Amino acid sequence: MSAHLTDLEKCMQTMIAVFHKYSGQEENQNKYTLSNKELKDLLDKELSSFMKGATDPEGLKAITKKLDINQDGEVNFEEFAVMLASITIVCNEFFVQHLKQKK
């Protein structure tokens, strides 16, 4: 990629790189999807501040089930992107509420 990426382009590049850093780590598993274990590792290491307490085994199963749009038992990049968008929306809503309370 070009050395002159915009902030948003860098964000997209990072999102793709992080997904592929964790995907396909387990033997006999699609290298372009996240298993439950890989998703847990990603959430624990890359979103630890946002996901505190949400990656217990039952909580993780619930997250995976909601994310797994195509019902294949794994999280593909599209499903991962939907998760990040959802978390980002919640963070933005929190930020906006915080700003409104400051007025």
PDB file of N, CA and C in Angstrom:
ATOM      1  N   MET A   1       0.833  -1.189   0.000  1.00  0.00           N
ATOM      2  CA  MET A   1       0.000   0.000   0.000  1.00  0.00           C
ATOM      3  C   MET A   1       0.880   1.256   0.000  1.00  0.00           C
ATOM      4  N   SER A   2       0.286   2.320  -0.387  1.00  0.00           N
ATOM      5  CA  SER A   2       0.979   3.597  -0.473  1.00  0.00           C
ATOM      6  C   SER A   2       1.408   4.081   0.909  1.00  0.00           C
ATOM      7  N   ALA A   3       2.509   4.798   0.931  1.00  0.00           N
ATOM      8  CA  ALA A   3       3.015   5.357   2.184  1.00  0.00           C
ATOM      9  C   ALA A   3       2.171   6.538   2.647  1.00  0.00           C
ATOM     10  N   HIS A   4       1.293   7.031   1.787  1.00  0.00           N
ATOM     11  CA  HIS A   4       0.498   8.217   2.098  1.00  0.00           C
ATOM     12  C   HIS A   4      -0.957   7.844   2.356  1.00  0.00           C
ATOM     13  N   LEU A   5      -1.163   6.951   3.272  1.00  0.00           N
ATOM     14  CA  LEU A   5      -2.523   6.537   3.598  1.00  0.00           C
ATOM     15  C   LEU A   5      -3.194   7.563   4.506  1.00  0.00           C
ATOM     16  N   THR A   6      -4.489   7.730   4.324  1.00  0.00           N
ATOM     17  CA  THR A   6      -5.251   8.590   5.229  1.00  0.00           C
ATOM     18  C   THR A   6      -5.465   7.853   6.536  1.00  0.00           C
ATOM     19  N   ASP A   7      -5.928   8.557   7.545  1.00  0.00           N
ATOM     20  CA  ASP A   7      -6.194   7.914   8.830  1.00  0.00           C
ATOM     21  C   ASP A   7      -7.192   6.768   8.689  1.00  0.00           C
ATOM     22  N   LEU A   8      -8.242   6.986   7.916  1.00  0.00           N
ATOM     23  CA  LEU A   8      -9.257   5.946   7.734  1.00  0.00           C
ATOM     24  C   LEU A   8      -8.699   4.752   6.960  1.00  0.00           C
ATOM     25  N   GLU A   9      -7.864   5.008   5.962  1.00  0.00           N
ATOM     26  CA  GLU A   9      -7.229   3.917   5.216  1.00  0.00           C
ATOM     27  C   GLU A   9      -6.306   3.112   6.130  1.00  0.00           C
ATOM     28  N   LYS A  10      -5.573   3.778   7.012  1.00  0.00           N
ATOM     29  CA  LYS A  10      -4.720   3.077   7.980  1.00  0.00           C
ATOM     30  C   LYS A  10      -5.564   2.222   8.917  1.00  0.00           C
ATOM     31  N   CYS A  11      -6.706   2.753   9.318  1.00  0.00           N
ATOM     32  CA  CYS A  11      -7.614   2.017  10.191  1.00  0.00           C
ATOM     33  C   CYS A  11      -8.098   0.740   9.500  1.00  0.00           C
ATOM     34  N   MET A  12      -8.489   0.862   8.242  1.00  0.00           N
ATOM     35  CA  MET A  12      -8.955  -0.298   7.479  1.00  0.00           C
ATOM     36  C   MET A  12      -7.835  -1.321   7.307  1.00  0.00           C
ATOM     37  N   GLN A  13      -6.649  -0.852   7.022  1.00  0.00           N
ATOM     38  CA  GLN A  13      -5.495  -1.731   6.856  1.00  0.00           C
ATOM     39  C   GLN A  13      -5.214  -2.485   8.169  1.00  0.00           C
ATOM     40  N   THR A  14      -5.294  -1.783   9.280  1.00  0.00           N
ATOM     41  CA  THR A  14      -5.063  -2.395  10.582  1.00  0.00           C
ATOM     42  C   THR A  14      -6.138  -3.430  10.900  1.00  0.00           C
ATOM     43  N   MET A  15      -7.387  -3.110  10.598  1.00  0.00           N
ATOM     44  CA  MET A  15      -8.488  -4.031  10.847  1.00  0.00           C
ATOM     45  C   MET A  15      -8.270  -5.346  10.090  1.00  0.00           C
ATOM     46  N   ILE A  16      -7.877  -5.247   8.839  1.00  0.00           N
ATOM     47  CA  ILE A  16      -7.618  -6.441   8.027  1.00  0.00           C
ATOM     48  C   ILE A  16      -6.429  -7.221   8.592  1.00  0.00           C
ATOM     49  N   ALA A  17      -5.362  -6.517   8.922  1.00  0.00           N
ATOM     50  CA  ALA A  17      -4.152  -7.176   9.438  1.00  0.00           C
ATOM     51  C   ALA A  17      -4.428  -7.886  10.759  1.00  0.00           C
ATOM     52  N   VAL A  18      -5.178  -7.251  11.646  1.00  0.00           N
ATOM     53  CA  VAL A  18      -5.480  -7.868  12.942  1.00  0.00           C
ATOM     54  C   VAL A  18      -6.322  -9.126  12.754  1.00  0.00           C
ATOM     55  N   PHE A  19      -7.327  -9.068  11.876  1.00  0.00           N
ATOM     56  CA  PHE A  19      -8.149 -10.247  11.621  1.00  0.00           C
ATOM     57  C   PHE A  19      -7.268 -11.417  11.177  1.00  0.00           C
ATOM     58  N   HIS A  20      -6.400 -11.170  10.194  1.00  0.00           N
ATOM     59  CA  HIS A  20      -5.581 -12.255   9.649  1.00  0.00           C
ATOM     60  C   HIS A  20      -4.444 -12.675  10.582  1.00  0.00           C
ATOM     61  N   LYS A  21      -4.095 -11.841  11.522  1.00  0.00           N
ATOM     62  CA  LYS A  21      -3.098 -12.208  12.534  1.00  0.00           C
ATOM     63  C   LYS A  21      -3.633 -13.353  13.407  1.00  0.00           C
ATOM     64  N   TYR A  22      -4.942 -13.379  13.648  1.00  0.00           N
ATOM     65  CA  TYR A  22      -5.550 -14.376  14.520  1.00  0.00           C
ATOM     66  C   TYR A  22      -6.263 -15.496  13.763  1.00  0.00           C
ATOM     67  N   SER A  23      -6.675 -15.264  12.534  1.00  0.00           N
ATOM     68  CA  SER A  23      -7.455 -16.274  11.804  1.00  0.00           C
ATOM     69  C   SER A  23      -6.576 -17.438  11.352  1.00  0.00           C
ATOM     70  N   GLY A  24      -7.178 -18.629  11.335  1.00  0.00           N
ATOM     71  CA  GLY A  24      -6.501 -19.809  10.817  1.00  0.00           C
ATOM     72  C   GLY A  24      -5.332 -20.309  11.625  1.00  0.00           C
ATOM     73  N   GLN A  25      -5.273 -19.980  12.898  1.00  0.00           N
ATOM     74  CA  GLN A  25      -4.164 -20.429  13.735  1.00  0.00           C
ATOM     75  C   GLN A  25      -4.317 -21.882  14.185  1.00  0.00           C
ATOM     76  N   GLU A  26      -5.558 -22.356  14.247  1.00  0.00           N
ATOM     77  CA  GLU A  26      -5.803 -23.721  14.696  1.00  0.00           C
ATOM     78  C   GLU A  26      -5.639 -24.694  13.536  1.00  0.00           C
ATOM     79  N   GLU A  27      -5.113 -25.865  13.857  1.00  0.00           N
ATOM     80  CA  GLU A  27      -4.937 -26.907  12.851  1.00  0.00           C
ATOM     81  C   GLU A  27      -6.301 -27.338  12.303  1.00  0.00           C
ATOM     82  N   ASN A  28      -6.355 -27.675  11.044  1.00  0.00           N
ATOM     83  CA  ASN A  28      -7.592 -28.120  10.373  1.00  0.00           C
ATOM     84  C   ASN A  28      -8.684 -27.061  10.403  1.00  0.00           C
ATOM     85  N   GLN A  29      -8.308 -25.821  10.373  1.00  0.00           N
ATOM     86  CA  GLN A  29      -9.311 -24.751  10.419  1.00  0.00           C
ATOM     87  C   GLN A  29      -9.080 -23.798   9.267  1.00  0.00           C
ATOM     88  N   ASN A  30     -10.143 -23.263   8.721  1.00  0.00           N
ATOM     89  CA  ASN A  30     -10.073 -22.315   7.614  1.00  0.00           C
ATOM     90  C   ASN A  30      -9.194 -21.126   8.017  1.00  0.00           C
ATOM     91  N   LYS A  31      -8.187 -20.827   7.204  1.00  0.00           N
ATOM     92  CA  LYS A  31      -7.273 -19.738   7.565  1.00  0.00           C
ATOM     93  C   LYS A  31      -7.872 -18.356   7.346  1.00  0.00           C
ATOM     94  N   TYR A  32      -9.098 -18.297   6.815  1.00  0.00           N
ATOM     95  CA  TYR A  32      -9.756 -17.018   6.571  1.00  0.00           C
ATOM     96  C   TYR A  32     -10.958 -16.798   7.482  1.00  0.00           C
ATOM     97  N   THR A  33     -11.030 -17.561   8.566  1.00  0.00           N
ATOM     98  CA  THR A  33     -12.090 -17.391   9.556  1.00  0.00           C
ATOM     99  C   THR A  33     -11.499 -17.484  10.955  1.00  0.00           C
ATOM    100  N   LEU A  34     -12.277 -17.040  11.935  1.00  0.00           N
ATOM    101  CA  LEU A  34     -11.878 -17.125  13.337  1.00  0.00           C
ATOM    102  C   LEU A  34     -12.694 -18.210  14.026  1.00  0.00           C
ATOM    103  N   SER A  35     -12.012 -19.125  14.695  1.00  0.00           N
ATOM    104  CA  SER A  35     -12.690 -20.092  15.545  1.00  0.00           C
ATOM    105  C   SER A  35     -13.064 -19.388  16.855  1.00  0.00           C
ATOM    106  N   ASN A  36     -13.781 -20.077  17.724  1.00  0.00           N
ATOM    107  CA  ASN A  36     -14.113 -19.490  19.030  1.00  0.00           C
ATOM    108  C   ASN A  36     -12.845 -19.122  19.799  1.00  0.00           C
ATOM    109  N   LYS A  37     -11.845 -20.010  19.782  1.00  0.00           N
ATOM    110  CA  LYS A  37     -10.596 -19.748  20.506  1.00  0.00           C
ATOM    111  C   LYS A  37      -9.865 -18.547  19.904  1.00  0.00           C
ATOM    112  N   GLU A  38      -9.803 -18.496  18.577  1.00  0.00           N
ATOM    113  CA  GLU A  38      -9.119 -17.379  17.924  1.00  0.00           C
ATOM    114  C   GLU A  38      -9.837 -16.061  18.192  1.00  0.00           C
ATOM    115  N   LEU A  39     -11.167 -16.093  18.172  1.00  0.00           N
ATOM    116  CA  LEU A  39     -11.933 -14.881  18.482  1.00  0.00           C
ATOM    117  C   LEU A  39     -11.675 -14.445  19.918  1.00  0.00           C
ATOM    118  N   LYS A  40     -11.648 -15.397  20.841  1.00  0.00           N
ATOM    119  CA  LYS A  40     -11.362 -15.074  22.244  1.00  0.00           C
ATOM    120  C   LYS A  40      -9.979 -14.442  22.376  1.00  0.00           C
ATOM    121  N   ASP A  41      -8.978 -15.043  21.730  1.00  0.00           N
ATOM    122  CA  ASP A  41      -7.619 -14.488  21.778  1.00  0.00           C
ATOM    123  C   ASP A  41      -7.593 -13.068  21.226  1.00  0.00           C
ATOM    124  N   LEU A  42      -8.261 -12.847  20.099  1.00  0.00           N
ATOM    125  CA  LEU A  42      -8.308 -11.520  19.486  1.00  0.00           C
ATOM    126  C   LEU A  42      -8.962 -10.515  20.423  1.00  0.00           C
ATOM    127  N   LEU A  43     -10.121 -10.870  20.966  1.00  0.00           N
ATOM    128  CA  LEU A  43     -10.828  -9.946  21.860  1.00  0.00           C
ATOM    129  C   LEU A  43     -10.028  -9.655  23.119  1.00  0.00           C
ATOM    130  N   ASP A  44      -9.410 -10.706  23.687  1.00  0.00           N
ATOM    131  CA  ASP A  44      -8.608 -10.530  24.912  1.00  0.00           C
ATOM    132  C   ASP A  44      -7.398  -9.637  24.686  1.00  0.00           C
ATOM    133  N   LYS A  45      -6.766  -9.768  23.524  1.00  0.00           N
ATOM    134  CA  LYS A  45      -5.518  -9.052  23.275  1.00  0.00           C
ATOM    135  C   LYS A  45      -5.709  -7.709  22.566  1.00  0.00           C
ATOM    136  N   GLU A  46      -6.705  -7.616  21.702  1.00  0.00           N
ATOM    137  CA  GLU A  46      -6.848  -6.417  20.879  1.00  0.00           C
ATOM    138  C   GLU A  46      -7.961  -5.477  21.338  1.00  0.00           C
ATOM    139  N   LEU A  47      -8.914  -5.982  22.113  1.00  0.00           N
ATOM    140  CA  LEU A  47     -10.029  -5.153  22.594  1.00  0.00           C
ATOM    141  C   LEU A  47     -10.231  -5.332  24.098  1.00  0.00           C
ATOM    142  N   SER A  48      -9.154  -5.553  24.814  1.00  0.00           N
ATOM    143  CA  SER A  48      -9.252  -5.885  26.232  1.00  0.00           C
ATOM    144  C   SER A  48      -9.956  -4.807  27.056  1.00  0.00           C
ATOM    145  N   SER A  49      -9.752  -3.550  26.744  1.00  0.00           N
ATOM    146  CA  SER A  49     -10.402  -2.471  27.497  1.00  0.00           C
ATOM    147  C   SER A  49     -11.907  -2.451  27.295  1.00  0.00           C
ATOM    148  N   PHE A  50     -12.355  -2.829  26.098  1.00  0.00           N
ATOM    149  CA  PHE A  50     -13.779  -2.793  25.763  1.00  0.00           C
ATOM    150  C   PHE A  50     -14.509  -4.078  26.132  1.00  0.00           C
ATOM    151  N   MET A  51     -13.789  -5.184  26.232  1.00  0.00           N
ATOM    152  CA  MET A  51     -14.428  -6.485  26.375  1.00  0.00           C
ATOM    153  C   MET A  51     -14.243  -7.117  27.747  1.00  0.00           C
ATOM    154  N   LYS A  52     -13.881  -6.342  28.746  1.00  0.00           N
ATOM    155  CA  LYS A  52     -13.666  -6.896  30.078  1.00  0.00           C
ATOM    156  C   LYS A  52     -14.873  -7.708  30.530  1.00  0.00           C
ATOM    157  N   GLY A  53     -14.627  -8.967  30.877  1.00  0.00           N
ATOM    158  CA  GLY A  53     -15.687  -9.826  31.377  1.00  0.00           C
ATOM    159  C   GLY A  53     -16.585 -10.426  30.316  1.00  0.00           C
ATOM    160  N   ALA A  54     -16.423 -10.038  29.064  1.00  0.00           N
ATOM    161  CA  ALA A  54     -17.316 -10.533  28.013  1.00  0.00           C
ATOM    162  C   ALA A  54     -16.745 -11.744  27.293  1.00  0.00           C
ATOM    163  N   THR A  55     -15.555 -12.178  27.675  1.00  0.00           N
ATOM    164  CA  THR A  55     -14.963 -13.294  26.958  1.00  0.00           C
ATOM    165  C   THR A  55     -14.909 -14.564  27.799  1.00  0.00           C
ATOM    166  N   ASP A  56     -15.775 -14.660  28.820  1.00  0.00           N
ATOM    167  CA  ASP A  56     -15.895 -15.935  29.515  1.00  0.00           C
ATOM    168  C   ASP A  56     -16.491 -16.930  28.519  1.00  0.00           C
ATOM    169  N   PRO A  57     -16.352 -18.229  28.742  1.00  0.00           N
ATOM    170  CA  PRO A  57     -16.807 -19.206  27.741  1.00  0.00           C
ATOM    171  C   PRO A  57     -18.266 -19.040  27.305  1.00  0.00           C
ATOM    172  N   GLU A  58     -19.174 -18.807  28.224  1.00  0.00           N
ATOM    173  CA  GLU A  58     -20.584 -18.651  27.845  1.00  0.00           C
ATOM    174  C   GLU A  58     -20.832 -17.333  27.126  1.00  0.00           C
ATOM    175  N   GLY A  59     -20.197 -16.274  27.597  1.00  0.00           N
ATOM    176  CA  GLY A  59     -20.331 -14.978  26.937  1.00  0.00           C
ATOM    177  C   GLY A  59     -19.772 -15.019  25.521  1.00  0.00           C
ATOM    178  N   LEU A  60     -18.652 -15.721  25.359  1.00  0.00           N
ATOM    179  CA  LEU A  60     -18.035 -15.843  24.043  1.00  0.00           C
ATOM    180  C   LEU A  60     -18.935 -16.636  23.097  1.00  0.00           C
ATOM    181  N   LYS A  61     -19.549 -17.698  23.592  1.00  0.00           N
ATOM    182  CA  LYS A  61     -20.479 -18.470  22.759  1.00  0.00           C
ATOM    183  C   LYS A  61     -21.631 -17.591  22.287  1.00  0.00           C
ATOM    184  N   ALA A  62     -22.139 -16.751  23.177  1.00  0.00           N
ATOM    185  CA  ALA A  62     -23.239 -15.855  22.816  1.00  0.00           C
ATOM    186  C   ALA A  62     -22.791 -14.839  21.765  1.00  0.00           C
ATOM    187  N   ILE A  63     -21.591 -14.276  21.937  1.00  0.00           N
ATOM    188  CA  ILE A  63     -21.057 -13.316  20.970  1.00  0.00           C
ATOM    189  C   ILE A  63     -20.886 -13.991  19.611  1.00  0.00           C
ATOM    190  N   THR A  64     -20.277 -15.181  19.598  1.00  0.00           N
ATOM    191  CA  THR A  64     -20.041 -15.897  18.350  1.00  0.00           C
ATOM    192  C   THR A  64     -21.350 -16.240  17.657  1.00  0.00           C
ATOM    193  N   LYS A  65     -22.329 -16.691  18.427  1.00  0.00           N
ATOM    194  CA  LYS A  65     -23.621 -17.060  17.843  1.00  0.00           C
ATOM    195  C   LYS A  65     -24.282 -15.846  17.176  1.00  0.00           C
ATOM    196  N   LYS A  66     -24.207 -14.692  17.820  1.00  0.00           N
ATOM    197  CA  LYS A  66     -24.791 -13.479  17.240  1.00  0.00           C
ATOM    198  C   LYS A  66     -24.022 -13.016  16.007  1.00  0.00           C
ATOM    199  N   LEU A  67     -22.708 -13.176  16.028  1.00  0.00           N
ATOM    200  CA  LEU A  67     -21.879 -12.736  14.906  1.00  0.00           C
ATOM    201  C   LEU A  67     -21.967 -13.663  13.701  1.00  0.00           C
ATOM    202  N   ASP A  68     -22.167 -14.936  13.971  1.00  0.00           N
ATOM    203  CA  ASP A  68     -22.083 -15.966  12.934  1.00  0.00           C
ATOM    204  C   ASP A  68     -23.315 -15.942  12.033  1.00  0.00           C
ATOM    205  N   ILE A  69     -23.380 -14.954  11.164  1.00  0.00           N
ATOM    206  CA  ILE A  69     -24.531 -14.713  10.295  1.00  0.00           C
ATOM    207  C   ILE A  69     -24.837 -15.927   9.420  1.00  0.00           C
ATOM    208  N   ASN A  70     -23.798 -16.556   8.871  1.00  0.00           N
ATOM    209  CA  ASN A  70     -24.020 -17.691   7.964  1.00  0.00           C
ATOM    210  C   ASN A  70     -24.102 -19.034   8.692  1.00  0.00           C
ATOM    211  N   GLN A  71     -24.059 -19.013  10.025  1.00  0.00           N
ATOM    212  CA  GLN A  71     -24.256 -20.207  10.858  1.00  0.00           C
ATOM    213  C   GLN A  71     -23.267 -21.345  10.568  1.00  0.00           C
ATOM    214  N   ASP A  72     -22.002 -21.010  10.298  1.00  0.00           N
ATOM    215  CA  ASP A  72     -21.018 -22.061  10.020  1.00  0.00           C
ATOM    216  C   ASP A  72     -20.131 -22.381  11.225  1.00  0.00           C
ATOM    217  N   GLY A  73     -20.388 -21.731  12.358  1.00  0.00           N
ATOM    218  CA  GLY A  73     -19.616 -22.012  13.569  1.00  0.00           C
ATOM    219  C   GLY A  73     -18.305 -21.254  13.661  1.00  0.00           C
ATOM    220  N   GLU A  74     -18.016 -20.406  12.695  1.00  0.00           N
ATOM    221  CA  GLU A  74     -16.802 -19.598  12.690  1.00  0.00           C
ATOM    222  C   GLU A  74     -17.169 -18.164  12.321  1.00  0.00           C
ATOM    223  N   VAL A  75     -16.250 -17.233  12.567  1.00  0.00           N
ATOM    224  CA  VAL A  75     -16.491 -15.824  12.251  1.00  0.00           C
ATOM    225  C   VAL A  75     -15.607 -15.449  11.064  1.00  0.00           C
ATOM    226  N   ASN A  76     -16.247 -15.087   9.941  1.00  0.00           N
ATOM    227  CA  ASN A  76     -15.478 -14.666   8.769  1.00  0.00           C
ATOM    228  C   ASN A  76     -15.217 -13.158   8.845  1.00  0.00           C
ATOM    229  N   PHE A  77     -14.503 -12.625   7.856  1.00  0.00           N
ATOM    230  CA  PHE A  77     -14.137 -11.212   7.926  1.00  0.00           C
ATOM    231  C   PHE A  77     -15.360 -10.305   7.920  1.00  0.00           C
ATOM    232  N   GLU A  78     -16.358 -10.619   7.116  1.00  0.00           N
ATOM    233  CA  GLU A  78     -17.568  -9.792   7.075  1.00  0.00           C
ATOM    234  C   GLU A  78     -18.238  -9.739   8.448  1.00  0.00           C
ATOM    235  N   GLU A  79     -18.332 -10.885   9.091  1.00  0.00           N
ATOM    236  CA  GLU A  79     -18.948 -10.944  10.425  1.00  0.00           C
ATOM    237  C   GLU A  79     -18.095 -10.181  11.443  1.00  0.00           C
ATOM    238  N   PHE A  80     -16.788 -10.284  11.315  1.00  0.00           N
ATOM    239  CA  PHE A  80     -15.856  -9.551  12.174  1.00  0.00           C
ATOM    240  C   PHE A  80     -16.026  -8.043  11.996  1.00  0.00           C
ATOM    241  N   ALA A  81     -16.159  -7.606  10.739  1.00  0.00           N
ATOM    242  CA  ALA A  81     -16.339  -6.176  10.447  1.00  0.00           C
ATOM    243  C   ALA A  81     -17.642  -5.658  11.042  1.00  0.00           C
ATOM    244  N   VAL A  82     -18.689  -6.465  10.996  1.00  0.00           N
ATOM    245  CA  VAL A  82     -19.967  -6.082  11.607  1.00  0.00           C
ATOM    246  C   VAL A  82     -19.790  -5.920  13.115  1.00  0.00           C
ATOM    247  N   MET A  83     -19.037  -6.827  13.740  1.00  0.00           N
ATOM    248  CA  MET A  83     -18.778  -6.731  15.176  1.00  0.00           C
ATOM    249  C   MET A  83     -18.047  -5.427  15.503  1.00  0.00           C
ATOM    250  N   LEU A  84     -16.993  -5.119  14.737  1.00  0.00           N
ATOM    251  CA  LEU A  84     -16.242  -3.888  15.001  1.00  0.00           C
ATOM    252  C   LEU A  84     -17.097  -2.654  14.788  1.00  0.00           C
ATOM    253  N   ALA A  85     -17.919  -2.671  13.756  1.00  0.00           N
ATOM    254  CA  ALA A  85     -18.818  -1.543  13.514  1.00  0.00           C
ATOM    255  C   ALA A  85     -19.784  -1.374  14.674  1.00  0.00           C
ATOM    256  N   SER A  86     -20.320  -2.468  15.176  1.00  0.00           N
ATOM    257  CA  SER A  86     -21.256  -2.402  16.301  1.00  0.00           C
ATOM    258  C   SER A  86     -20.598  -1.852  17.559  1.00  0.00           C
ATOM    259  N   ILE A  87     -19.395  -2.319  17.853  1.00  0.00           N
ATOM    260  CA  ILE A  87     -18.662  -1.821  19.024  1.00  0.00           C
ATOM    261  C   ILE A  87     -18.348  -0.336  18.846  1.00  0.00           C
ATOM    262  N   THR A  88     -17.972   0.065  17.636  1.00  0.00           N
ATOM    263  CA  THR A  88     -17.655   1.462  17.349  1.00  0.00           C
ATOM    264  C   THR A  88     -18.881   2.353  17.519  1.00  0.00           C
ATOM    265  N   ILE A  89     -20.034   1.872  17.087  1.00  0.00           N
ATOM    266  CA  ILE A  89     -21.284   2.630  17.251  1.00  0.00           C
ATOM    267  C   ILE A  89     -21.587   2.843  18.725  1.00  0.00           C
ATOM    268  N   VAL A  90     -21.444   1.794  19.529  1.00  0.00           N
ATOM    269  CA  VAL A  90     -21.692   1.913  20.970  1.00  0.00           C
ATOM    270  C   VAL A  90     -20.714   2.906  21.592  1.00  0.00           C
ATOM    271  N   CYS A  91     -19.458   2.843  21.202  1.00  0.00           N
ATOM    272  CA  CYS A  91     -18.460   3.781  21.735  1.00  0.00           C
ATOM    273  C   CYS A  91     -18.797   5.214  21.349  1.00  0.00           C
ATOM    274  N   ASN A  92     -19.228   5.417  20.112  1.00  0.00           N
ATOM    275  CA  ASN A  92     -19.603   6.754  19.666  1.00  0.00           C
ATOM    276  C   ASN A  92     -20.810   7.270  20.454  1.00  0.00           C
ATOM    277  N   GLU A  93     -21.799   6.418  20.671  1.00  0.00           N
ATOM    278  CA  GLU A  93     -22.975   6.822  21.436  1.00  0.00           C
ATOM    279  C   GLU A  93     -22.586   7.229  22.858  1.00  0.00           C
ATOM    280  N   PHE A  94     -21.673   6.467  23.464  1.00  0.00           N
ATOM    281  CA  PHE A  94     -21.177   6.805  24.797  1.00  0.00           C
ATOM    282  C   PHE A  94     -20.470   8.158  24.769  1.00  0.00           C
ATOM    283  N   PHE A  95     -19.627   8.379  23.752  1.00  0.00           N
ATOM    284  CA  PHE A  95     -18.887   9.625  23.607  1.00  0.00           C
ATOM    285  C   PHE A  95     -19.845  10.807  23.442  1.00  0.00           C
ATOM    286  N   VAL A  96     -20.851  10.661  22.597  1.00  0.00           N
ATOM    287  CA  VAL A  96     -21.824  11.737  22.370  1.00  0.00           C
ATOM    288  C   VAL A  96     -22.588  12.045  23.657  1.00  0.00           C
ATOM    289  N   GLN A  97     -23.021  11.018  24.379  1.00  0.00           N
ATOM    290  CA  GLN A  97     -23.729  11.229  25.645  1.00  0.00           C
ATOM    291  C   GLN A  97     -22.833  11.957  26.653  1.00  0.00           C
ATOM    292  N   HIS A  98     -21.571  11.573  26.687  1.00  0.00           N
ATOM    293  CA  HIS A  98     -20.618  12.218  27.583  1.00  0.00           C
ATOM    294  C   HIS A  98     -20.475  13.706  27.236  1.00  0.00           C
ATOM    295  N   LEU A  99     -20.395  14.018  25.956  1.00  0.00           N
ATOM    296  CA  LEU A  99     -20.282  15.420  25.528  1.00  0.00           C
ATOM    297  C   LEU A  99     -21.530  16.201  25.878  1.00  0.00           C
ATOM    298  N   LYS A 100     -22.703  15.591  25.700  1.00  0.00           N
ATOM    299  CA  LYS A 100     -23.960  16.272  26.015  1.00  0.00           C
ATOM    300  C   LYS A 100     -24.067  16.564  27.507  1.00  0.00           C
ATOM    301  N   GLN A 101     -23.558  15.682  28.337  1.00  0.00           N
ATOM    302  CA  GLN A 101     -23.610  15.883  29.787  1.00  0.00           C
ATOM    303  C   GLN A 101     -22.678  16.985  30.240  1.00  0.00           C
ATOM    304  N   LYS A 102     -21.629  17.244  29.480  1.00  0.00           N
ATOM    305  CA  LYS A 102     -20.667  18.294  29.826  1.00  0.00           C
ATOM    306  C   LYS A 102     -21.239  19.692  29.630  1.00  0.00           C
ATOM    307  N   LYS A 103     -22.270  19.812  28.789  1.00  0.00           N
ATOM    308  CA  LYS A 103     -22.839  21.140  28.462  1.00  0.00           C
ATOM    309  C   LYS A 103     -23.593  21.706  29.628  1.00  0.00           C
TER     310      LYS A 103
END
